Amino acid sequence: MDLPLGAPFYEHLRTKDTDMLKMIQELMQKEFTGYIIVTIDGYDGIEEGALLFRKGVLIGAGYEFMKHDIVVEGDNALEIVLNAFRAKHGIIDVYTLTLQHMDLVIAFHEKMLINVKIEPKTLQKMYPKEFSDKYAKDIIKQKEELSKYDIFRKVGLPEMVSK
């Protein structure tokens, strides 16, 4: 994720040892402005997710499957980032930003904005009980299918790929 380095709030927390649901709810309560980065050893390589907060409101999410150069942003990324917090092998870093810096982040990363207001109770319902690699499998498969279609389309044979 291409985010400015903020002031460290927490660094090098292990996913398996950290109650992220509780931490996120506390950050909301404290009107935190900044972001959380989670980096995991995922299904097929390194994956990285980010949650953006402005005055305690969860405003954005982004997720990247590094090996496959796939980025998911906004509403579609939120569930994937929450899932990553449940991975056995991962690191979490939390950085604070000034409001002005967060406004710049928002301006340059509009696609990361989520359209649903997330309340602590809503978050609790969304938060997964355990890590699942289904997100990675589904997204990587979609990209592979799309890539195959694009190749045949470029040579004028889009009907060669079954959808």
N, C-alpha and C. Protein backbone atom coordinates (compact mmCIF):
# COMPACT_ATOMS: atom_id res chain seq x y z
N MET A 1 0.84 -1.17 0.00
CA MET A 1 0.00 0.00 0.00
C MET A 1 0.89 1.24 0.00
N ASP A 2 0.50 2.17 -0.76
CA ASP A 2 1.27 3.41 -0.91
C ASP A 2 0.70 4.48 0.02
N LEU A 3 1.05 4.39 1.29
CA LEU A 3 0.55 5.33 2.29
C LEU A 3 1.72 6.06 2.93
N PRO A 4 1.51 7.32 3.35
CA PRO A 4 2.60 8.04 3.98
C PRO A 4 2.93 7.44 5.35
N LEU A 5 4.20 7.50 5.70
CA LEU A 5 4.60 6.98 6.99
C LEU A 5 4.12 7.94 8.08
N GLY A 6 3.30 7.43 8.96
CA GLY A 6 2.81 8.23 10.07
C GLY A 6 3.64 7.99 11.31
N ALA A 7 3.18 8.52 12.41
CA ALA A 7 3.86 8.27 13.68
C ALA A 7 3.44 6.90 14.18
N PRO A 8 4.39 6.04 14.56
CA PRO A 8 4.04 4.70 15.03
C PRO A 8 3.15 4.76 16.28
N PHE A 9 2.08 4.01 16.24
CA PHE A 9 1.17 3.89 17.38
C PHE A 9 1.40 2.51 18.01
N TYR A 10 1.41 1.48 17.16
CA TYR A 10 1.82 0.12 17.51
C TYR A 10 2.63 -0.40 16.32
N GLU A 11 3.65 -1.18 16.62
CA GLU A 11 4.43 -1.77 15.53
C GLU A 11 4.75 -3.23 15.84
N HIS A 12 4.83 -4.00 14.77
CA HIS A 12 5.28 -5.40 14.82
C HIS A 12 4.44 -6.29 15.73
N LEU A 13 3.14 -6.06 15.74
CA LEU A 13 2.25 -6.94 16.50
C LEU A 13 2.00 -8.19 15.67
N ARG A 14 1.99 -9.32 16.30
CA ARG A 14 1.73 -10.58 15.58
C ARG A 14 0.22 -10.82 15.50
N THR A 15 -0.23 -11.21 14.32
CA THR A 15 -1.67 -11.43 14.14
C THR A 15 -2.21 -12.48 15.10
N LYS A 16 -1.45 -13.53 15.31
CA LYS A 16 -1.96 -14.63 16.15
C LYS A 16 -2.07 -14.23 17.62
N ASP A 17 -1.38 -13.16 18.03
CA ASP A 17 -1.39 -12.75 19.44
C ASP A 17 -2.22 -11.49 19.71
N THR A 18 -2.84 -10.92 18.67
CA THR A 18 -3.49 -9.62 18.81
C THR A 18 -4.99 -9.73 18.59
N ASP A 19 -5.76 -9.19 19.53
CA ASP A 19 -7.22 -9.14 19.39
C ASP A 19 -7.57 -7.88 18.59
N MET A 20 -7.58 -8.04 17.27
CA MET A 20 -7.80 -6.88 16.41
C MET A 20 -9.21 -6.33 16.49
N LEU A 21 -10.19 -7.15 16.72
CA LEU A 21 -11.55 -6.63 16.87
C LEU A 21 -11.59 -5.63 18.02
N LYS A 22 -11.02 -6.02 19.14
CA LYS A 22 -10.98 -5.14 20.31
C LYS A 22 -10.17 -3.88 20.00
N MET A 23 -9.03 -4.04 19.34
CA MET A 23 -8.20 -2.88 19.03
C MET A 23 -8.91 -1.90 18.11
N ILE A 24 -9.56 -2.41 17.08
CA ILE A 24 -10.27 -1.54 16.14
C ILE A 24 -11.38 -0.79 16.86
N GLN A 25 -12.11 -1.48 17.71
CA GLN A 25 -13.18 -0.83 18.47
C GLN A 25 -12.62 0.25 19.39
N GLU A 26 -11.46 -0.01 20.00
CA GLU A 26 -10.82 0.99 20.86
C GLU A 26 -10.35 2.20 20.05
N LEU A 27 -9.80 1.95 18.86
CA LEU A 27 -9.36 3.04 18.01
C LEU A 27 -10.55 3.91 17.59
N MET A 28 -11.67 3.27 17.33
CA MET A 28 -12.88 4.02 16.99
C MET A 28 -13.30 4.90 18.16
N GLN A 29 -13.30 4.32 19.33
CA GLN A 29 -13.70 5.04 20.54
C GLN A 29 -12.76 6.22 20.83
N LYS A 30 -11.47 6.04 20.57
CA LYS A 30 -10.47 7.09 20.84
C LYS A 30 -10.40 8.13 19.73
N GLU A 31 -11.28 8.01 18.74
CA GLU A 31 -11.31 8.92 17.59
C GLU A 31 -9.96 8.98 16.87
N PHE A 32 -9.41 7.81 16.65
CA PHE A 32 -8.12 7.63 16.01
C PHE A 32 -8.15 8.11 14.56
N THR A 33 -7.09 8.79 14.14
CA THR A 33 -6.89 9.15 12.73
C THR A 33 -5.56 8.55 12.31
N GLY A 34 -5.62 7.70 11.29
CA GLY A 34 -4.42 7.03 10.81
C GLY A 34 -4.82 5.76 10.09
N TYR A 35 -3.94 4.79 10.13
CA TYR A 35 -4.23 3.54 9.42
C TYR A 35 -3.59 2.34 10.10
N ILE A 36 -4.15 1.19 9.79
CA ILE A 36 -3.62 -0.10 10.23
C ILE A 36 -3.16 -0.83 8.98
N ILE A 37 -1.96 -1.38 9.05
CA ILE A 37 -1.43 -2.21 7.95
C ILE A 37 -1.27 -3.62 8.49
N VAL A 38 -1.74 -4.59 7.75
CA VAL A 38 -1.52 -5.99 8.10
C VAL A 38 -0.83 -6.66 6.92
N THR A 39 0.27 -7.32 7.20
CA THR A 39 1.03 -8.04 6.18
C THR A 39 1.08 -9.51 6.58
N ILE A 40 0.61 -10.37 5.68
CA ILE A 40 0.54 -11.79 6.03
C ILE A 40 1.21 -12.67 4.98
N ASP A 41 1.57 -13.85 5.42
CA ASP A 41 2.00 -14.90 4.51
C ASP A 41 0.71 -15.61 4.12
N GLY A 42 0.16 -15.24 2.98
CA GLY A 42 -1.17 -15.70 2.60
C GLY A 42 -1.19 -16.96 1.78
N TYR A 43 -2.29 -17.16 1.11
CA TYR A 43 -2.54 -18.37 0.32
C TYR A 43 -1.45 -18.62 -0.73
N ASP A 44 -1.06 -17.57 -1.44
CA ASP A 44 -0.08 -17.72 -2.51
C ASP A 44 0.91 -16.55 -2.49
N GLY A 45 1.55 -16.37 -1.35
CA GLY A 45 2.54 -15.31 -1.25
C GLY A 45 2.14 -14.23 -0.25
N ILE A 46 2.89 -13.15 -0.28
CA ILE A 46 2.68 -12.05 0.65
C ILE A 46 1.44 -11.25 0.25
N GLU A 47 0.62 -10.93 1.25
CA GLU A 47 -0.59 -10.13 1.06
C GLU A 47 -0.54 -8.99 2.06
N GLU A 48 -1.08 -7.84 1.67
CA GLU A 48 -1.06 -6.69 2.57
C GLU A 48 -2.40 -5.97 2.52
N GLY A 49 -2.90 -5.63 3.69
CA GLY A 49 -4.16 -4.93 3.78
C GLY A 49 -4.03 -3.66 4.60
N ALA A 50 -4.95 -2.74 4.40
CA ALA A 50 -4.94 -1.49 5.16
C ALA A 50 -6.36 -1.06 5.48
N LEU A 51 -6.53 -0.51 6.67
CA LEU A 51 -7.78 0.13 7.06
C LEU A 51 -7.46 1.59 7.37
N LEU A 52 -8.28 2.50 6.87
CA LEU A 52 -8.11 3.92 7.11
C LEU A 52 -9.14 4.42 8.11
N PHE A 53 -8.69 5.27 9.02
CA PHE A 53 -9.58 5.86 10.03
C PHE A 53 -9.44 7.38 10.01
N ARG A 54 -10.56 8.06 10.17
CA ARG A 54 -10.54 9.51 10.32
C ARG A 54 -11.44 9.87 11.49
N LYS A 55 -10.87 10.41 12.52
CA LYS A 55 -11.59 10.77 13.75
C LYS A 55 -12.42 9.60 14.28
N GLY A 56 -11.83 8.41 14.27
CA GLY A 56 -12.49 7.23 14.81
C GLY A 56 -13.44 6.52 13.88
N VAL A 57 -13.64 7.07 12.70
CA VAL A 57 -14.55 6.44 11.73
C VAL A 57 -13.73 5.63 10.74
N LEU A 58 -14.10 4.39 10.57
CA LEU A 58 -13.46 3.52 9.58
C LEU A 58 -13.95 3.97 8.21
N ILE A 59 -13.04 4.57 7.43
CA ILE A 59 -13.46 5.19 6.17
C ILE A 59 -12.97 4.48 4.92
N GLY A 60 -11.97 3.62 5.06
CA GLY A 60 -11.42 3.02 3.86
C GLY A 60 -10.73 1.70 4.10
N ALA A 61 -10.60 0.94 3.01
CA ALA A 61 -9.93 -0.36 3.07
C ALA A 61 -9.28 -0.64 1.73
N GLY A 62 -8.14 -1.32 1.81
CA GLY A 62 -7.45 -1.74 0.60
C GLY A 62 -6.72 -3.04 0.88
N TYR A 63 -6.56 -3.86 -0.16
CA TYR A 63 -5.88 -5.14 0.01
C TYR A 63 -5.12 -5.46 -1.26
N GLU A 64 -3.91 -5.98 -1.09
CA GLU A 64 -3.06 -6.29 -2.24
C GLU A 64 -2.52 -7.70 -2.14
N PHE A 65 -2.68 -8.45 -3.24
CA PHE A 65 -2.08 -9.77 -3.39
C PHE A 65 -0.81 -9.53 -4.19
N MET A 66 0.31 -9.39 -3.50
CA MET A 66 1.56 -8.91 -4.09
C MET A 66 2.03 -9.73 -5.29
N LYS A 67 2.07 -11.03 -5.14
CA LYS A 67 2.60 -11.90 -6.20
C LYS A 67 1.82 -11.76 -7.50
N HIS A 68 0.53 -11.52 -7.36
CA HIS A 68 -0.35 -11.48 -8.53
C HIS A 68 -0.66 -10.06 -8.99
N ASP A 69 -0.09 -9.08 -8.30
CA ASP A 69 -0.30 -7.67 -8.63
C ASP A 69 -1.80 -7.34 -8.72
N ILE A 70 -2.54 -7.83 -7.73
CA ILE A 70 -3.98 -7.60 -7.66
C ILE A 70 -4.27 -6.69 -6.47
N VAL A 71 -5.01 -5.62 -6.70
CA VAL A 71 -5.40 -4.70 -5.64
C VAL A 71 -6.92 -4.66 -5.58
N VAL A 72 -7.46 -4.80 -4.37
CA VAL A 72 -8.89 -4.70 -4.13
C VAL A 72 -9.08 -3.52 -3.19
N GLU A 73 -10.04 -2.65 -3.50
CA GLU A 73 -10.22 -1.44 -2.69
C GLU A 73 -11.68 -1.22 -2.32
N GLY A 74 -11.87 -0.43 -1.26
CA GLY A 74 -13.21 -0.02 -0.85
C GLY A 74 -13.98 -1.13 -0.16
N ASP A 75 -15.28 -1.13 -0.40
CA ASP A 75 -16.18 -2.10 0.25
C ASP A 75 -15.72 -3.54 0.03
N ASN A 76 -15.24 -3.84 -1.18
CA ASN A 76 -14.81 -5.21 -1.50
C ASN A 76 -13.59 -5.64 -0.69
N ALA A 77 -12.78 -4.68 -0.25
CA ALA A 77 -11.56 -5.01 0.48
C ALA A 77 -11.79 -5.17 1.98
N LEU A 78 -12.81 -4.56 2.51
CA LEU A 78 -13.01 -4.54 3.97
C LEU A 78 -13.03 -5.94 4.57
N GLU A 79 -13.83 -6.81 4.03
CA GLU A 79 -13.95 -8.17 4.55
C GLU A 79 -12.63 -8.94 4.42
N ILE A 80 -11.90 -8.67 3.35
CA ILE A 80 -10.63 -9.36 3.13
C ILE A 80 -9.60 -8.91 4.16
N VAL A 81 -9.56 -7.61 4.47
CA VAL A 81 -8.63 -7.10 5.47
C VAL A 81 -8.96 -7.69 6.85
N LEU A 82 -10.23 -7.70 7.19
CA LEU A 82 -10.63 -8.27 8.47
C LEU A 82 -10.22 -9.74 8.55
N ASN A 83 -10.36 -10.45 7.45
CA ASN A 83 -9.95 -11.85 7.39
C ASN A 83 -8.45 -11.98 7.64
N ALA A 84 -7.66 -11.09 7.07
CA ALA A 84 -6.20 -11.14 7.21
C ALA A 84 -5.76 -11.01 8.66
N PHE A 85 -6.52 -10.27 9.45
CA PHE A 85 -6.18 -10.12 10.87
C PHE A 85 -6.23 -11.46 11.61
N ARG A 86 -6.89 -12.45 11.03
CA ARG A 86 -7.02 -13.77 11.66
C ARG A 86 -5.94 -14.75 11.19
N ALA A 87 -5.06 -14.32 10.28
CA ALA A 87 -4.02 -15.21 9.78
C ALA A 87 -3.04 -15.58 10.89
N LYS A 88 -2.50 -16.79 10.80
CA LYS A 88 -1.55 -17.26 11.82
C LYS A 88 -0.20 -16.57 11.69
N HIS A 89 0.19 -16.25 10.47
CA HIS A 89 1.51 -15.67 10.25
C HIS A 89 1.36 -14.29 9.63
N GLY A 90 1.41 -13.28 10.48
CA GLY A 90 1.29 -11.92 9.98
C GLY A 90 1.74 -10.89 10.99
N ILE A 91 1.96 -9.69 10.49
CA ILE A 91 2.42 -8.57 11.31
C ILE A 91 1.46 -7.40 11.12
N ILE A 92 1.18 -6.72 12.21
CA ILE A 92 0.28 -5.57 12.19
C ILE A 92 1.04 -4.34 12.67
N ASP A 93 0.88 -3.25 11.93
CA ASP A 93 1.44 -1.95 12.32
C ASP A 93 0.32 -0.93 12.28
N VAL A 94 0.33 -0.03 13.25
CA VAL A 94 -0.69 1.03 13.34
C VAL A 94 0.04 2.36 13.38
N TYR A 95 -0.36 3.28 12.49
CA TYR A 95 0.28 4.59 12.41
C TYR A 95 -0.75 5.70 12.50
N THR A 96 -0.42 6.73 13.24
CA THR A 96 -1.29 7.90 13.33
C THR A 96 -0.91 8.89 12.24
N LEU A 97 -1.89 9.62 11.77
CA LEU A 97 -1.69 10.70 10.81
C LEU A 97 -2.41 11.94 11.30
N THR A 98 -1.97 13.09 10.87
CA THR A 98 -2.73 14.31 11.13
C THR A 98 -3.97 14.29 10.25
N LEU A 99 -4.94 15.09 10.57
CA LEU A 99 -6.13 15.17 9.73
C LEU A 99 -5.77 15.62 8.31
N GLN A 100 -4.83 16.55 8.21
CA GLN A 100 -4.43 17.03 6.88
C GLN A 100 -3.80 15.91 6.06
N HIS A 101 -2.96 15.10 6.69
CA HIS A 101 -2.36 13.98 5.97
C HIS A 101 -3.42 12.95 5.56
N MET A 102 -4.38 12.70 6.45
CA MET A 102 -5.43 11.75 6.11
C MET A 102 -6.28 12.28 4.95
N ASP A 103 -6.53 13.58 4.95
CA ASP A 103 -7.30 14.16 3.84
C ASP A 103 -6.55 14.00 2.51
N LEU A 104 -5.23 14.10 2.56
CA LEU A 104 -4.43 13.87 1.35
C LEU A 104 -4.49 12.40 0.92
N VAL A 105 -4.42 11.51 1.90
CA VAL A 105 -4.53 10.08 1.59
C VAL A 105 -5.86 9.81 0.89
N ILE A 106 -6.93 10.38 1.43
CA ILE A 106 -8.26 10.20 0.85
C ILE A 106 -8.30 10.75 -0.57
N ALA A 107 -7.69 11.91 -0.78
CA ALA A 107 -7.69 12.52 -2.11
C ALA A 107 -6.97 11.65 -3.13
N PHE A 108 -5.88 11.01 -2.72
CA PHE A 108 -5.10 10.20 -3.65
C PHE A 108 -5.56 8.74 -3.71
N HIS A 109 -6.40 8.34 -2.77
CA HIS A 109 -6.85 6.94 -2.73
C HIS A 109 -8.37 6.86 -2.59
N GLU A 110 -9.07 7.58 -3.43
CA GLU A 110 -10.54 7.63 -3.35
C GLU A 110 -11.18 6.25 -3.46
N LYS A 111 -10.57 5.37 -4.23
CA LYS A 111 -11.15 4.04 -4.43
C LYS A 111 -11.15 3.21 -3.15
N MET A 112 -10.32 3.61 -2.17
CA MET A 112 -10.27 2.87 -0.90
C MET A 112 -11.47 3.19 -0.01
N LEU A 113 -12.17 4.29 -0.28
CA LEU A 113 -13.28 4.68 0.60
C LEU A 113 -14.38 3.64 0.60
N ILE A 114 -14.93 3.40 1.79
CA ILE A 114 -16.05 2.46 1.90
C ILE A 114 -17.34 3.27 1.99
N ASN A 115 -18.41 2.68 1.49
CA ASN A 115 -19.69 3.37 1.40
C ASN A 115 -20.62 3.10 2.56
N VAL A 116 -20.22 2.17 3.43
CA VAL A 116 -21.08 1.77 4.54
C VAL A 116 -20.49 2.30 5.83
N LYS A 117 -21.31 2.90 6.66
CA LYS A 117 -20.82 3.35 7.96
C LYS A 117 -20.69 2.12 8.87
N ILE A 118 -19.51 1.93 9.39
CA ILE A 118 -19.23 0.75 10.21
C ILE A 118 -19.26 1.14 11.68
N GLU A 119 -20.24 0.63 12.38
CA GLU A 119 -20.35 0.83 13.83
C GLU A 119 -19.63 -0.33 14.52
N PRO A 120 -19.21 -0.15 15.77
CA PRO A 120 -18.54 -1.25 16.48
C PRO A 120 -19.35 -2.55 16.50
N LYS A 121 -20.67 -2.45 16.65
CA LYS A 121 -21.49 -3.67 16.68
C LYS A 121 -21.54 -4.32 15.29
N THR A 122 -21.60 -3.50 14.25
CA THR A 122 -21.58 -4.03 12.88
C THR A 122 -20.27 -4.75 12.62
N LEU A 123 -19.19 -4.13 13.08
CA LEU A 123 -17.86 -4.71 12.91
C LEU A 123 -17.78 -6.08 13.59
N GLN A 124 -18.37 -6.17 14.77
CA GLN A 124 -18.35 -7.43 15.51
C GLN A 124 -19.06 -8.54 14.72
N LYS A 125 -20.15 -8.20 14.04
CA LYS A 125 -20.87 -9.18 13.24
C LYS A 125 -20.08 -9.59 12.00
N MET A 126 -19.32 -8.64 11.44
CA MET A 126 -18.55 -8.89 10.22
C MET A 126 -17.26 -9.65 10.48
N TYR A 127 -16.74 -9.53 11.68
CA TYR A 127 -15.41 -10.04 11.98
C TYR A 127 -15.39 -11.57 11.92
N PRO A 128 -14.48 -12.14 11.14
CA PRO A 128 -14.45 -13.61 10.98
C PRO A 128 -13.95 -14.33 12.23
N LYS A 129 -14.42 -15.53 12.41
CA LYS A 129 -13.99 -16.33 13.55
C LYS A 129 -12.61 -16.95 13.31
N GLU A 130 -12.31 -17.21 12.04
CA GLU A 130 -11.00 -17.78 11.70
C GLU A 130 -10.60 -17.33 10.30
N PHE A 131 -9.32 -17.49 10.00
CA PHE A 131 -8.79 -17.11 8.69
C PHE A 131 -9.28 -18.07 7.62
N SER A 132 -9.55 -17.51 6.44
CA SER A 132 -9.95 -18.33 5.30
C SER A 132 -9.17 -17.88 4.07
N ASP A 133 -8.70 -18.84 3.28
CA ASP A 133 -7.99 -18.49 2.05
C ASP A 133 -8.94 -18.40 0.85
N LYS A 134 -10.25 -18.47 1.10
CA LYS A 134 -11.22 -18.43 0.00
C LYS A 134 -11.18 -17.12 -0.77
N TYR A 135 -10.89 -16.00 -0.08
CA TYR A 135 -10.83 -14.70 -0.76
C TYR A 135 -9.71 -14.72 -1.80
N ALA A 136 -8.54 -15.16 -1.38
CA ALA A 136 -7.39 -15.21 -2.29
C ALA A 136 -7.68 -16.15 -3.46
N LYS A 137 -8.19 -17.33 -3.17
CA LYS A 137 -8.47 -18.30 -4.24
C LYS A 137 -9.45 -17.72 -5.25
N ASP A 138 -10.53 -17.12 -4.77
CA ASP A 138 -11.55 -16.57 -5.66
C ASP A 138 -11.01 -15.42 -6.52
N ILE A 139 -10.28 -14.52 -5.90
CA ILE A 139 -9.78 -13.34 -6.62
C ILE A 139 -8.70 -13.72 -7.63
N ILE A 140 -7.81 -14.62 -7.25
CA ILE A 140 -6.76 -15.06 -8.16
C ILE A 140 -7.37 -15.82 -9.34
N LYS A 141 -8.37 -16.64 -9.07
CA LYS A 141 -9.04 -17.37 -10.15
C LYS A 141 -9.74 -16.40 -11.11
N GLN A 142 -10.39 -15.37 -10.57
CA GLN A 142 -11.05 -14.37 -11.42
C GLN A 142 -10.03 -13.69 -12.32
N LYS A 143 -8.87 -13.34 -11.78
CA LYS A 143 -7.84 -12.67 -12.58
C LYS A 143 -7.33 -13.60 -13.67
N GLU A 144 -7.10 -14.85 -13.34
CA GLU A 144 -6.61 -15.81 -14.33
C GLU A 144 -7.62 -15.99 -15.46
N GLU A 145 -8.90 -16.08 -15.12
CA GLU A 145 -9.94 -16.23 -16.13
C GLU A 145 -10.02 -14.99 -17.00
N LEU A 146 -9.92 -13.83 -16.39
CA LEU A 146 -9.96 -12.58 -17.13
C LEU A 146 -8.75 -12.47 -18.05
N SER A 147 -7.59 -12.85 -17.56
CA SER A 147 -6.37 -12.79 -18.36
C SER A 147 -6.48 -13.69 -19.59
N LYS A 148 -7.01 -14.89 -19.40
CA LYS A 148 -7.19 -15.82 -20.51
C LYS A 148 -8.13 -15.22 -21.56
N TYR A 149 -9.22 -14.63 -21.10
CA TYR A 149 -10.18 -14.01 -22.00
C TYR A 149 -9.53 -12.87 -22.78
N ASP A 150 -8.75 -12.04 -22.07
CA ASP A 150 -8.09 -10.90 -22.72
C ASP A 150 -7.14 -11.35 -23.82
N ILE A 151 -6.42 -12.43 -23.58
CA ILE A 151 -5.48 -12.94 -24.58
C ILE A 151 -6.23 -13.36 -25.84
N PHE A 152 -7.30 -14.13 -25.68
CA PHE A 152 -8.07 -14.57 -26.84
C PHE A 152 -8.78 -13.39 -27.53
N ARG A 153 -9.22 -12.42 -26.73
CA ARG A 153 -9.89 -11.25 -27.31
C ARG A 153 -8.91 -10.46 -28.17
N LYS A 154 -7.67 -10.32 -27.72
CA LYS A 154 -6.66 -9.57 -28.46
C LYS A 154 -6.37 -10.20 -29.82
N VAL A 155 -6.47 -11.50 -29.89
CA VAL A 155 -6.21 -12.17 -31.19
C VAL A 155 -7.51 -12.41 -31.97
N GLY A 156 -8.60 -11.85 -31.47
CA GLY A 156 -9.87 -11.93 -32.20
C GLY A 156 -10.65 -13.21 -32.01
N LEU A 157 -10.38 -13.95 -30.92
CA LEU A 157 -11.07 -15.21 -30.68
C LEU A 157 -11.68 -15.27 -29.27
N PRO A 158 -12.49 -14.28 -28.87
CA PRO A 158 -13.02 -14.31 -27.50
C PRO A 158 -13.94 -15.50 -27.24
N GLU A 159 -14.50 -16.08 -28.29
CA GLU A 159 -15.41 -17.23 -28.11
C GLU A 159 -14.65 -18.50 -27.71
N MET A 160 -13.33 -18.48 -27.74
CA MET A 160 -12.52 -19.64 -27.39
C MET A 160 -12.49 -19.90 -25.88
N VAL A 161 -12.91 -18.92 -25.11
CA VAL A 161 -12.87 -19.06 -23.66
C VAL A 161 -14.31 -19.18 -23.17
N SER A 162 -14.58 -20.26 -22.44
CA SER A 162 -15.91 -20.41 -21.85
C SER A 162 -15.96 -19.63 -20.56
N LYS A 163 -17.06 -18.96 -20.33
CA LYS A 163 -17.20 -18.14 -19.10
C LYS A 163 -17.94 -18.88 -18.05
